[in-house]
């Protein structure tokens, strides 16, 4: 897919952009400079297939996604109205075929996204220069293709992409390892201690401080010798087994980068895949909030400032279509915007705190209004600190579920249909949170990189009631084995029984847990 030349905005669209930007900033939205570009649907589909970027490394996956988007549009099944990427400056793309009303809606929506990208804490660690980084990644991969051949590089990228979800998205915000500066200080301290011991200064390990005449009582020589021998045996045992990591590691890609026998070009490509996976991770963590926040602001701006009388019907039609929610799935746009509206209303009326929670008078709750006017400040605070899981966990209420008629559904084996399983608030909230946790994907950890003292990799699936898809698991083990170059095992649960799936490079095996 070739890189296209972007077309400048028509004068009337530039005027709309300037007007919408001024209105958005007047409401307190804060965003990087936003550059809008006009594309036709073929170009927009190409950018969408590339994740919103004009250039990516060559791979058949992007072509397949492009073909799917174009066919979906041609058959009237879907349509992309806008696209915006998290960079500084932000780049947003408008569809040239859109009417003026749609362009207004999209521009207002984009400014909501840009504000969210800049200010939400979960995007704080992302690379704001990812546009340049993607182009750099593409250039590096193209050089490897020229050197090693397209098939060789593509097959390796295939293996890496099947594992791109095996990262630890919270590691950006939580220190999983000791601070390198502290490690350096500790190493220097050990070095000075060793120098003292080499010089004969009596600072033996395990000794308590004591005056000379009490030393033999407080630090019995035979006990110190026994403890030293125990430490020596433990070190020998650890060196003999060479088991690592010390604790289960969720970032499987990082573990492979540090320990797998990869060639330099393979390690570089795996680094590229991992860096891009971490860039896109916050978008998966905040899908409901991000779309809800952008929808809230396009609704606010359009209904108060952006519409002429002739545009109201078109806007209402397109907005309602975006917000529609079918019984089969949740619409992140709808859940997000309604939750932000609910939060704003509750904090304006004072419907929070112990007194509100303890009130069980339905009439009093319905008419409750302390006229606090705190709603706007509250939703900006929520936008800043929450992700989808904490957003739903903190602000989804029983009243909200009842008002919007939310329910859980399950498959009925007798009728062969999906049916309403529960309208209970806790069941609804639990299922929604469960579907959002880790993007709905399993938790996989590296437990041992030297399993059986043979250099084999042993992983563990943190089972939470849903079994691994066996075909997916086998394919992932195959690709892990390709990178690790030794047999790979994963402990999981099959038919409610603990089991281990393994692949040695030739055949797959299912066995009981040892």
Protein backbone atom coordinates (compact mmCIF):
# COMPACT_ATOMS: atom_id res chain seq x y z
CA UNK A 1 0.00 0.00 0.00
CA UNK A 2 1.73 3.20 -1.13
CA UNK A 3 2.05 6.30 0.99
CA UNK A 4 -0.26 8.99 -0.38
CA UNK A 5 0.13 12.74 -0.62
CA UNK A 6 -2.23 14.37 1.85
CA UNK A 7 -4.61 17.04 0.62
CA UNK A 8 -4.95 20.40 2.39
CA UNK A 9 -8.25 21.28 4.01
CA UNK A 10 -10.73 23.35 1.98
CA UNK A 11 -11.14 26.91 3.31
CA UNK A 12 -14.62 26.22 4.77
CA UNK A 13 -13.29 23.22 6.72
CA UNK A 14 -10.35 25.27 8.04
CA UNK A 15 -12.84 27.87 9.28
CA UNK A 16 -14.86 25.14 11.02
CA UNK A 17 -11.67 23.78 12.60
CA UNK A 18 -10.70 27.20 13.97
CA UNK A 19 -14.19 27.74 15.35
CA UNK A 20 -14.39 24.30 16.97
CA UNK A 21 -10.93 24.65 18.48
CA UNK A 22 -11.86 27.97 20.08
CA UNK A 23 -15.09 26.53 21.48
CA UNK A 24 -13.34 23.40 22.79
CA UNK A 25 -10.69 25.44 24.59
CA UNK A 26 -13.38 27.69 26.08
CA UNK A 27 -14.78 24.62 27.86
CA UNK A 28 -11.37 23.85 29.38
CA UNK A 29 -10.23 21.17 26.95
CA UNK A 30 -6.44 21.10 26.72
CA UNK A 31 -4.78 19.42 23.75
CA UNK A 32 -1.66 19.45 21.62
CA UNK A 33 -1.70 21.23 18.29
CA UNK A 34 -4.03 19.22 16.06
CA UNK A 35 -3.37 18.86 12.34
CA UNK A 36 -6.33 17.78 10.20
CA UNK A 37 -5.87 16.23 6.77
CA UNK A 38 -8.46 15.25 4.16
CA UNK A 39 -8.44 11.70 2.71
CA UNK A 40 -10.73 9.70 0.45
CA UNK A 41 -12.07 6.39 1.77
CA UNK A 42 -9.39 4.25 0.15
CA UNK A 43 -6.66 6.34 1.76
CA UNK A 44 -8.47 6.42 5.10
CA UNK A 45 -8.82 2.63 5.01
CA UNK A 46 -5.11 2.33 4.35
CA UNK A 47 -4.30 4.51 7.34
CA UNK A 48 -6.78 2.57 9.49
CA UNK A 49 -5.12 -0.71 8.49
CA UNK A 50 -1.82 0.79 9.63
CA UNK A 51 -3.31 1.74 13.02
CA UNK A 52 -3.71 5.38 12.01
CA UNK A 53 -0.17 5.87 10.72
CA UNK A 54 0.86 6.63 7.14
CA UNK A 55 3.87 4.29 7.27
CA UNK A 56 4.37 0.89 8.93
CA UNK A 57 6.75 -2.00 8.36
CA UNK A 58 5.65 -4.29 5.49
CA UNK A 59 3.51 -7.25 6.52
CA UNK A 60 0.57 -9.13 5.01
CA UNK A 61 -1.62 -8.41 8.08
CA UNK A 62 -1.97 -4.76 7.14
CA UNK A 63 -3.03 -5.67 3.61
CA UNK A 64 -5.64 -8.10 4.95
CA UNK A 65 -7.08 -5.45 7.27
CA UNK A 66 -7.16 -2.94 4.42
CA UNK A 67 -9.02 -5.40 2.19
CA UNK A 68 -11.55 -6.10 4.95
CA UNK A 69 -12.19 -2.39 5.54
CA UNK A 70 -12.66 -1.67 1.85
CA UNK A 71 -15.06 -4.58 1.34
CA UNK A 72 -17.04 -3.62 4.45
CA UNK A 73 -17.41 -0.09 3.10
CA UNK A 74 -18.28 -1.27 -0.42
CA UNK A 75 -21.02 -3.57 0.90
CA UNK A 76 -22.42 -0.82 3.13
CA UNK A 77 -21.59 -2.66 6.37
CA UNK A 78 -19.42 0.01 8.00
CA UNK A 79 -17.88 3.40 7.47
CA UNK A 80 -14.95 5.21 9.07
CA UNK A 81 -15.86 8.83 9.79
CA UNK A 82 -12.65 9.94 11.48
CA UNK A 83 -9.30 8.86 12.80
CA UNK A 84 -6.91 10.49 15.24
CA UNK A 85 -3.57 9.32 16.62
CA UNK A 86 -1.90 10.01 19.95
CA UNK A 87 1.12 12.11 18.99
CA UNK A 88 2.42 15.63 19.57
CA UNK A 89 1.19 17.29 17.43
CA UNK A 90 -1.95 15.16 17.06
CA UNK A 91 -2.82 14.11 13.52
CA UNK A 92 -6.48 13.60 12.56
CA UNK A 93 -7.93 12.51 9.25
CA UNK A 94 -11.25 13.59 7.76
CA UNK A 95 -13.19 11.68 5.11
CA UNK A 96 -13.54 13.84 2.00
CA UNK A 97 -16.97 12.38 1.19
CA UNK A 98 -18.50 13.56 4.49
CA UNK A 99 -21.07 16.35 4.51
CA UNK A 100 -20.34 19.59 6.35
CA UNK A 101 -22.47 18.49 9.33
CA UNK A 102 -20.42 15.32 9.68
CA UNK A 103 -17.16 17.26 9.41
CA UNK A 104 -18.25 19.52 12.26
CA UNK A 105 -19.19 16.52 14.40
CA UNK A 106 -15.91 14.74 13.64
CA UNK A 107 -13.74 17.80 14.39
CA UNK A 108 -15.49 18.34 17.73
CA UNK A 109 -15.12 14.62 18.49
CA UNK A 110 -11.40 14.70 17.63
CA UNK A 111 -10.72 17.54 20.05
CA UNK A 112 -12.24 15.42 22.82
CA UNK A 113 -9.87 12.58 21.92
CA UNK A 114 -6.86 14.90 21.78
CA UNK A 115 -7.65 16.28 25.23
CA UNK A 116 -7.92 12.75 26.56
CA UNK A 117 -4.63 11.65 24.98
CA UNK A 118 -2.76 14.58 26.50
CA UNK A 119 -4.22 14.51 30.01
CA UNK A 120 -5.19 10.93 30.90
CA UNK A 121 -2.59 9.39 33.20
CA UNK A 122 -2.54 6.08 31.32
CA UNK A 123 -1.16 7.81 28.22
CA UNK A 124 1.54 9.66 30.15
CA UNK A 125 4.23 7.12 29.31
CA UNK A 126 3.50 6.82 25.59
CA UNK A 127 5.86 7.97 22.88
CA UNK A 128 4.42 11.26 21.56
CA UNK A 129 6.78 11.08 18.58
CA UNK A 130 5.46 7.70 17.45
CA UNK A 131 4.88 8.98 13.92
CA UNK A 132 8.64 9.28 13.49
CA UNK A 133 9.25 6.04 15.37
CA UNK A 134 6.91 4.09 13.07
CA UNK A 135 8.74 5.40 10.01
CA UNK A 136 12.04 4.42 11.64
CA UNK A 137 10.68 0.94 12.39
CA UNK A 138 9.62 0.54 8.76
CA UNK A 139 13.06 1.57 7.51
CA UNK A 140 14.83 -0.89 9.81
CA UNK A 141 12.56 -3.80 8.82
CA UNK A 142 13.01 -2.96 5.12
CA UNK A 143 16.78 -3.11 5.57
CA UNK A 144 16.47 -6.58 7.12
CA UNK A 145 14.26 -7.68 4.22
CA UNK A 146 16.88 -6.50 1.73
CA UNK A 147 19.56 -8.37 3.66
CA UNK A 148 17.85 -11.62 4.72
CA UNK A 149 14.91 -11.96 2.33
CA UNK A 150 11.22 -11.16 2.59
CA UNK A 151 10.05 -14.68 3.52
CA UNK A 152 12.55 -15.04 6.36
CA UNK A 153 11.71 -11.69 7.92
CA UNK A 154 7.96 -12.07 7.41
CA UNK A 155 7.88 -15.48 9.06
CA UNK A 156 9.72 -14.09 12.07
CA UNK A 157 7.33 -11.12 12.27
CA UNK A 158 4.42 -13.60 12.11
CA UNK A 159 5.78 -15.37 15.18
CA UNK A 160 6.32 -12.09 17.07
CA UNK A 161 2.88 -10.67 16.25
CA UNK A 162 1.13 -13.76 17.60
CA UNK A 163 2.78 -12.99 20.96
CA UNK A 164 2.36 -9.19 21.02
CA UNK A 165 -0.32 -9.39 23.74
CA UNK A 166 2.14 -11.04 26.16
CA UNK A 167 3.24 -7.75 27.72
CA UNK A 168 2.67 -6.12 31.09
CA UNK A 169 0.76 -2.88 30.37
CA UNK A 170 0.97 -1.80 34.02
CA UNK A 171 4.77 -1.98 34.07
CA UNK A 172 4.86 1.52 32.55
CA UNK A 173 3.34 2.86 35.77
CA UNK A 174 4.61 0.35 38.37
CA UNK A 175 8.29 -0.36 38.98
CA UNK A 176 8.60 -4.14 38.63
CA UNK A 177 12.37 -4.18 39.11
CA UNK A 178 14.78 -2.41 41.45
CA UNK A 179 15.92 1.06 40.45
CA UNK A 180 19.21 0.71 38.48
CA UNK A 181 20.71 3.50 40.62
CA UNK A 182 19.92 1.53 43.78
CA UNK A 183 21.41 -1.60 42.27
CA UNK A 184 24.59 0.33 41.46
CA UNK A 185 24.79 1.68 45.02
CA UNK A 186 24.24 -1.80 46.45
CA UNK A 187 26.97 -3.24 44.21
CA UNK A 188 29.39 -0.51 45.32
CA UNK A 189 28.55 -1.23 48.96
CA UNK A 190 29.24 -4.94 48.46
CA UNK A 191 32.54 -4.12 46.76
CA UNK A 192 33.69 -1.98 49.70
CA UNK A 193 32.58 -4.69 52.13
CA UNK A 194 34.55 -7.29 50.19
CA UNK A 195 37.65 -5.07 50.30
CA UNK A 196 37.34 -4.84 54.09
CA UNK A 197 37.05 -8.63 54.38
CA UNK A 198 40.05 -9.12 52.10
CA UNK A 199 42.03 -6.78 54.35
CA UNK A 200 41.15 -8.84 57.40
CA UNK A 201 38.77 -6.34 58.97
CA UNK A 202 36.42 -8.46 61.15
CA UNK A 203 33.07 -7.64 59.53
CA UNK A 204 31.84 -11.19 58.96
CA UNK A 205 28.38 -11.65 57.50
CA UNK A 206 25.68 -12.46 60.03
CA UNK A 207 27.57 -10.98 62.98
CA UNK A 208 25.94 -8.71 65.51
CA UNK A 209 27.76 -5.63 66.74
CA UNK A 210 29.34 -6.42 70.09
CA UNK A 211 32.16 -5.29 72.32
CA UNK A 212 35.27 -7.43 72.17
CA UNK A 213 34.81 -9.14 75.56
CA UNK A 214 31.19 -10.16 74.64
CA UNK A 215 31.80 -11.09 71.01
CA UNK A 216 32.27 -14.84 71.56
CA UNK A 217 28.96 -15.01 73.46
CA UNK A 218 26.89 -12.89 71.07
CA UNK A 219 28.51 -14.28 67.91
CA UNK A 220 29.46 -17.94 68.64
CA UNK A 221 32.06 -19.01 66.05
CA UNK A 222 30.46 -22.41 65.45
CA UNK A 223 27.08 -20.79 64.70
CA UNK A 224 28.66 -18.30 62.29
CA UNK A 225 30.48 -21.13 60.51
CA UNK A 226 27.24 -23.10 60.24
CA UNK A 227 25.38 -20.11 58.79
CA UNK A 228 28.20 -19.42 56.32
CA UNK A 229 28.15 -23.06 55.21
CA UNK A 230 24.37 -22.88 54.74
CA UNK A 231 24.72 -19.77 52.58
CA UNK A 232 27.43 -21.45 50.52
CA UNK A 233 25.25 -24.51 49.90
CA UNK A 234 22.29 -22.33 48.88
CA UNK A 235 24.46 -20.40 46.43
CA UNK A 236 25.82 -23.63 44.98
CA UNK A 237 22.32 -25.03 44.62
CA UNK A 238 21.09 -21.86 42.94
CA UNK A 239 24.06 -21.82 40.58
CA UNK A 240 23.51 -25.48 39.78
CA UNK A 241 19.85 -25.06 38.87
CA UNK A 242 20.22 -21.57 37.38
CA UNK A 243 16.45 -21.12 37.70
CA UNK A 244 15.14 -17.74 36.62
CA UNK A 245 13.33 -15.37 36.82
CA UNK A 246 13.22 -14.95 40.59
CA UNK A 247 9.51 -14.07 40.39
CA UNK A 248 6.91 -14.86 37.70
CA UNK A 249 7.31 -12.33 34.87
CA UNK A 250 4.27 -11.13 32.95
CA UNK A 251 6.19 -9.31 30.22
CA UNK A 252 7.00 -12.40 28.18
CA UNK A 253 8.39 -10.33 25.29
CA UNK A 254 10.91 -8.64 27.59
CA UNK A 255 11.94 -12.02 28.95
CA UNK A 256 12.54 -13.24 25.40
CA UNK A 257 14.55 -10.12 24.56
CA UNK A 258 16.78 -10.64 27.58
CA UNK A 259 17.24 -14.40 27.45
CA UNK A 260 16.22 -15.92 24.08
CA UNK A 261 19.03 -16.94 21.66
CA UNK A 262 18.05 -14.39 19.02
CA UNK A 263 20.19 -12.90 16.29
CA UNK A 264 20.67 -9.14 16.37
CA UNK A 265 18.12 -8.45 13.62
CA UNK A 266 15.57 -10.73 15.28
CA UNK A 267 16.06 -9.01 18.62
CA UNK A 268 15.58 -5.63 16.93
CA UNK A 269 12.32 -6.72 15.26
CA UNK A 270 11.00 -8.16 18.53
CA UNK A 271 11.87 -4.83 20.18
CA UNK A 272 9.86 -3.03 17.50
CA UNK A 273 6.83 -5.29 18.03
CA UNK A 274 7.04 -4.81 21.80
CA UNK A 275 7.44 -1.02 21.61
CA UNK A 276 4.39 -0.73 19.35
CA UNK A 277 2.36 -3.05 21.58
CA UNK A 278 3.07 -0.77 24.56
CA UNK A 279 2.15 2.29 22.49
CA UNK A 280 -1.28 0.88 21.63
CA UNK A 281 -1.95 -0.68 25.08
CA UNK A 282 -3.42 2.48 26.74
CA UNK A 283 -5.97 2.74 23.94
CA UNK A 284 -7.25 -0.71 24.87
CA UNK A 285 -7.23 0.21 28.57
CA UNK A 286 -9.35 3.34 28.03
CA UNK A 287 -11.64 2.52 25.07
CA UNK A 288 -14.91 3.23 26.91
CA UNK A 289 -13.63 6.37 28.62
CA UNK A 290 -11.89 7.77 25.54
CA UNK A 291 -14.86 7.32 23.22
CA UNK A 292 -17.28 8.45 25.92
CA UNK A 293 -15.27 11.62 26.61
CA UNK A 294 -15.02 12.52 22.89
CA UNK A 295 -18.73 11.79 22.40
CA UNK A 296 -19.67 13.89 25.43
CA UNK A 297 -17.84 16.90 24.01
CA UNK A 298 -18.98 16.57 20.43
CA UNK A 299 -22.54 16.36 21.76
CA UNK A 300 -22.05 19.41 23.98
CA UNK A 301 -20.33 21.51 21.31
CA UNK A 302 -22.62 20.57 18.45
CA UNK A 303 -25.93 21.04 20.26
CA UNK A 304 -24.92 24.35 21.81
CA UNK A 305 -22.73 25.94 19.14
CA UNK A 306 -22.19 23.91 15.98
CA UNK A 307 -25.55 23.43 14.30
CA UNK A 308 -27.72 25.45 12.01
CA UNK A 309 -31.45 24.73 11.81
CA UNK A 310 -30.93 22.82 8.56
CA UNK A 311 -28.32 20.51 10.13
CA UNK A 312 -30.19 19.36 13.24
CA UNK A 313 -31.87 16.32 11.64
CA UNK A 314 -28.68 15.03 9.99
CA UNK A 315 -26.75 15.46 13.21
CA UNK A 316 -29.40 13.71 15.31
CA UNK A 317 -29.50 10.82 12.83
CA UNK A 318 -25.74 10.27 12.80
CA UNK A 319 -25.26 10.83 16.53
CA UNK A 320 -28.03 8.39 17.42
CA UNK A 321 -26.56 5.85 15.01
CA UNK A 322 -23.19 6.13 16.75
CA UNK A 323 -24.79 5.78 20.19
CA UNK A 324 -27.09 2.85 19.30
CA UNK A 325 -26.54 -0.23 21.43
CA UNK A 326 -27.77 -3.64 20.34
CA UNK A 327 -28.78 -6.41 22.77
CA UNK A 328 -25.78 -8.48 21.61
CA UNK A 329 -22.96 -6.13 22.62
CA UNK A 330 -22.06 -3.07 24.63
CA UNK A 331 -21.35 0.12 22.73
CA UNK A 332 -18.33 1.89 24.30
CA UNK A 333 -19.53 5.23 22.91
CA UNK A 334 -22.90 4.84 24.61
CA UNK A 335 -21.69 3.47 27.96
CA UNK A 336 -18.92 6.08 28.13
CA UNK A 337 -21.01 9.16 27.35
CA UNK A 338 -23.88 8.09 29.62
CA UNK A 339 -21.53 7.41 32.53
CA UNK A 340 -19.86 10.82 32.15
CA UNK A 341 -23.29 12.47 32.04
CA UNK A 342 -24.37 10.48 35.10
CA UNK A 343 -21.24 11.51 37.04
CA UNK A 344 -21.73 15.15 36.12
CA UNK A 345 -25.38 15.07 37.21
CA UNK A 346 -24.67 13.25 40.47
CA UNK A 347 -21.91 15.64 41.49
CA UNK A 348 -23.99 18.65 40.50
CA UNK A 349 -26.86 17.39 42.67
CA UNK A 350 -24.67 16.08 45.51
CA UNK A 351 -25.69 12.46 44.96
CA UNK A 352 -22.56 10.96 46.50
CA UNK A 353 -21.04 10.39 49.92
CA UNK A 354 -22.17 8.44 53.01
CA UNK A 355 -25.50 10.25 53.43
CA UNK A 356 -26.52 9.54 49.84
CA UNK A 357 -25.38 5.92 50.03
CA UNK A 358 -27.34 5.30 53.23
CA UNK A 359 -30.57 6.88 51.93
CA UNK A 360 -33.13 4.18 51.07
CA UNK A 361 -36.12 6.45 50.47
CA UNK A 362 -36.79 6.19 46.72
CA UNK A 363 -38.70 9.49 46.51
CA UNK A 364 -36.00 11.33 48.44
CA UNK A 365 -33.28 9.87 46.21
CA UNK A 366 -35.20 10.85 43.08
CA UNK A 367 -35.61 14.48 44.17
CA UNK A 368 -32.19 14.79 45.84
CA UNK A 369 -30.49 18.02 44.79
CA UNK A 370 -27.94 19.86 46.94
CA UNK A 371 -27.11 22.17 44.01
CA UNK A 372 -23.37 21.74 44.53
CA UNK A 373 -22.41 22.32 40.90
CA UNK A 374 -19.34 20.08 41.12
CA UNK A 375 -20.09 17.96 38.06
CA UNK A 376 -17.84 19.60 35.48
CA UNK A 377 -14.80 19.57 37.78
CA UNK A 378 -15.50 15.94 38.65
CA UNK A 379 -15.63 14.65 35.09
CA UNK A 380 -12.34 16.42 34.30
CA UNK A 381 -10.83 14.72 37.35
CA UNK A 382 -12.20 11.34 36.23
CA UNK A 383 -10.80 11.90 32.73
CA UNK A 384 -7.38 12.54 34.23
CA UNK A 385 -6.85 9.57 36.55
CA UNK A 386 -9.04 6.59 35.57
CA UNK A 387 -8.93 3.77 33.04
CA UNK A 388 -11.92 1.67 31.94
CA UNK A 389 -11.70 -0.81 34.80
CA UNK A 390 -11.47 1.77 37.59
CA UNK A 391 -14.04 3.93 35.75
CA UNK A 392 -16.62 1.13 35.69
CA UNK A 393 -15.72 -0.16 39.16
CA UNK A 394 -16.02 3.28 40.77
CA UNK A 395 -18.92 4.90 38.93
CA UNK A 396 -21.21 2.17 37.58
CA UNK A 397 -24.15 2.20 39.99
CA UNK A 398 -27.26 0.13 40.46
CA UNK A 399 -29.39 3.15 39.53
CA UNK A 400 -27.43 3.53 36.28
CA UNK A 401 -27.91 -0.16 35.35
CA UNK A 402 -31.62 0.07 36.08
CA UNK A 403 -32.02 3.29 34.09
CA UNK A 404 -30.24 1.90 31.01
CA UNK A 405 -31.72 -1.61 31.33
CA UNK A 406 -28.39 -3.42 31.45
CA UNK A 407 -28.31 -7.18 31.92
CA UNK A 408 -26.03 -10.18 31.51
CA UNK A 409 -26.73 -12.94 29.01
CA UNK A 410 -25.58 -16.52 28.59
CA UNK A 411 -25.96 -19.39 26.13
CA UNK A 412 -28.83 -21.79 26.82
CA UNK A 413 -27.79 -25.24 25.61
CA UNK A 414 -31.38 -26.52 25.68
CA UNK A 415 -32.85 -23.80 23.45
CA UNK A 416 -29.67 -23.09 21.49
CA UNK A 417 -30.09 -19.34 22.04
CA UNK A 418 -28.48 -16.61 24.09
CA UNK A 419 -30.84 -15.52 26.86
CA UNK A 420 -30.90 -13.00 29.69
CA UNK A 421 -29.03 -14.57 32.57
CA UNK A 422 -29.35 -11.88 35.22
CA UNK A 423 -30.50 -8.33 35.87
CA UNK A 424 -28.70 -8.24 39.22
CA UNK A 425 -26.40 -5.25 39.56
CA UNK A 426 -23.43 -7.16 40.99
CA UNK A 427 -23.61 -9.79 38.24
CA UNK A 428 -23.73 -7.07 35.54
CA UNK A 429 -20.80 -5.20 37.04
CA UNK A 430 -18.73 -8.35 37.57
CA UNK A 431 -19.22 -9.55 33.99
CA UNK A 432 -18.41 -6.13 32.55
CA UNK A 433 -15.24 -5.82 34.63
CA UNK A 434 -14.25 -9.37 33.76
CA UNK A 435 -14.57 -8.63 30.03
CA UNK A 436 -12.37 -5.52 30.40
CA UNK A 437 -9.62 -7.02 32.55
CA UNK A 438 -6.44 -7.49 30.50
CA UNK A 439 -8.51 -6.63 27.37
CA UNK A 440 -10.41 -9.89 27.90
CA UNK A 441 -7.25 -11.92 27.30
CA UNK A 442 -5.63 -14.50 29.61
CA UNK A 443 -2.88 -13.67 32.08
CA UNK A 444 0.30 -15.58 31.15
CA UNK A 445 3.51 -15.51 33.22
CA UNK A 446 7.00 -16.88 32.69
CA UNK A 447 7.71 -19.02 35.75
CA UNK A 448 10.99 -20.72 34.81
CA UNK A 449 13.45 -20.16 31.98
CA UNK A 450 15.46 -23.25 32.92
CA UNK A 451 12.76 -25.83 33.48
CA UNK A 452 14.11 -29.28 34.41
CA UNK A 453 17.56 -27.66 34.25
CA UNK A 454 17.40 -28.08 30.46
CA UNK A 455 16.95 -24.47 29.37
CA UNK A 456 13.27 -25.06 28.62
CA UNK A 457 10.63 -22.37 29.21
CA UNK A 458 7.78 -22.96 31.65
CA UNK A 459 4.81 -20.57 31.67
CA UNK A 460 1.70 -20.50 33.78
CA UNK A 461 -1.82 -19.41 32.88
CA UNK A 462 -3.52 -17.56 35.75
CA UNK A 463 -6.81 -19.45 35.44
CA UNK A 464 -9.89 -17.36 36.28
CA UNK A 465 -12.73 -19.62 35.19
CA UNK A 466 -12.22 -19.50 31.41
CA UNK A 467 -10.00 -22.07 29.71
CA UNK A 468 -7.49 -21.25 27.00
CA UNK A 469 -8.57 -21.83 23.42
CA UNK A 470 -6.61 -24.93 22.57
CA UNK A 471 -5.87 -23.99 18.96
CA UNK A 472 -4.65 -20.52 20.00
CA UNK A 473 -2.55 -22.01 22.80
CA UNK A 474 -0.88 -24.52 20.45
CA UNK A 475 -0.08 -21.83 17.89
CA UNK A 476 1.39 -19.55 20.58
CA UNK A 477 3.51 -22.39 21.95
CA UNK A 478 4.77 -23.08 18.43
CA UNK A 479 5.83 -19.46 17.97
CA UNK A 480 7.32 -19.23 21.45
CA UNK A 481 9.38 -22.31 20.71
CA UNK A 482 10.55 -20.67 17.48
CA UNK A 483 11.92 -17.71 19.46
CA UNK A 484 13.15 -19.68 22.49
CA UNK A 485 14.65 -22.51 20.39
CA UNK A 486 13.98 -25.00 23.21
CA UNK A 487 10.82 -26.85 24.35
CA UNK A 488 8.10 -24.64 25.84
CA UNK A 489 5.46 -25.61 28.43
CA UNK A 490 2.41 -23.82 29.81
CA UNK A 491 0.49 -24.86 32.91
CA UNK A 492 -3.26 -24.28 32.60
CA UNK A 493 -6.63 -25.92 33.27
CA UNK A 494 -8.37 -28.24 30.79
CA UNK A 495 -11.83 -29.67 31.57
CA UNK A 496 -11.51 -28.33 35.12
CA UNK A 497 -8.30 -30.29 35.70
CA UNK A 498 -4.75 -28.86 35.95
CA UNK A 499 -2.74 -29.74 32.87
CA UNK A 500 0.41 -28.78 30.99
CA UNK A 501 0.56 -28.08 27.27
CA UNK A 502 4.00 -28.49 25.73
CA UNK A 503 5.71 -28.20 22.35
CA UNK A 504 9.25 -29.40 21.71
CA UNK A 505 9.61 -28.17 18.14
CA UNK A 506 8.19 -31.35 16.64
CA UNK A 507 5.03 -32.41 18.45
CA UNK A 508 2.50 -31.09 20.92
CA UNK A 509 1.83 -32.81 24.24
CA UNK A 510 -0.83 -32.58 26.94
CA UNK A 511 0.09 -34.02 30.33
CA UNK A 512 -0.85 -33.82 33.99
CA UNK A 513 0.85 -31.28 36.23
CA UNK A 514 3.88 -32.82 37.91
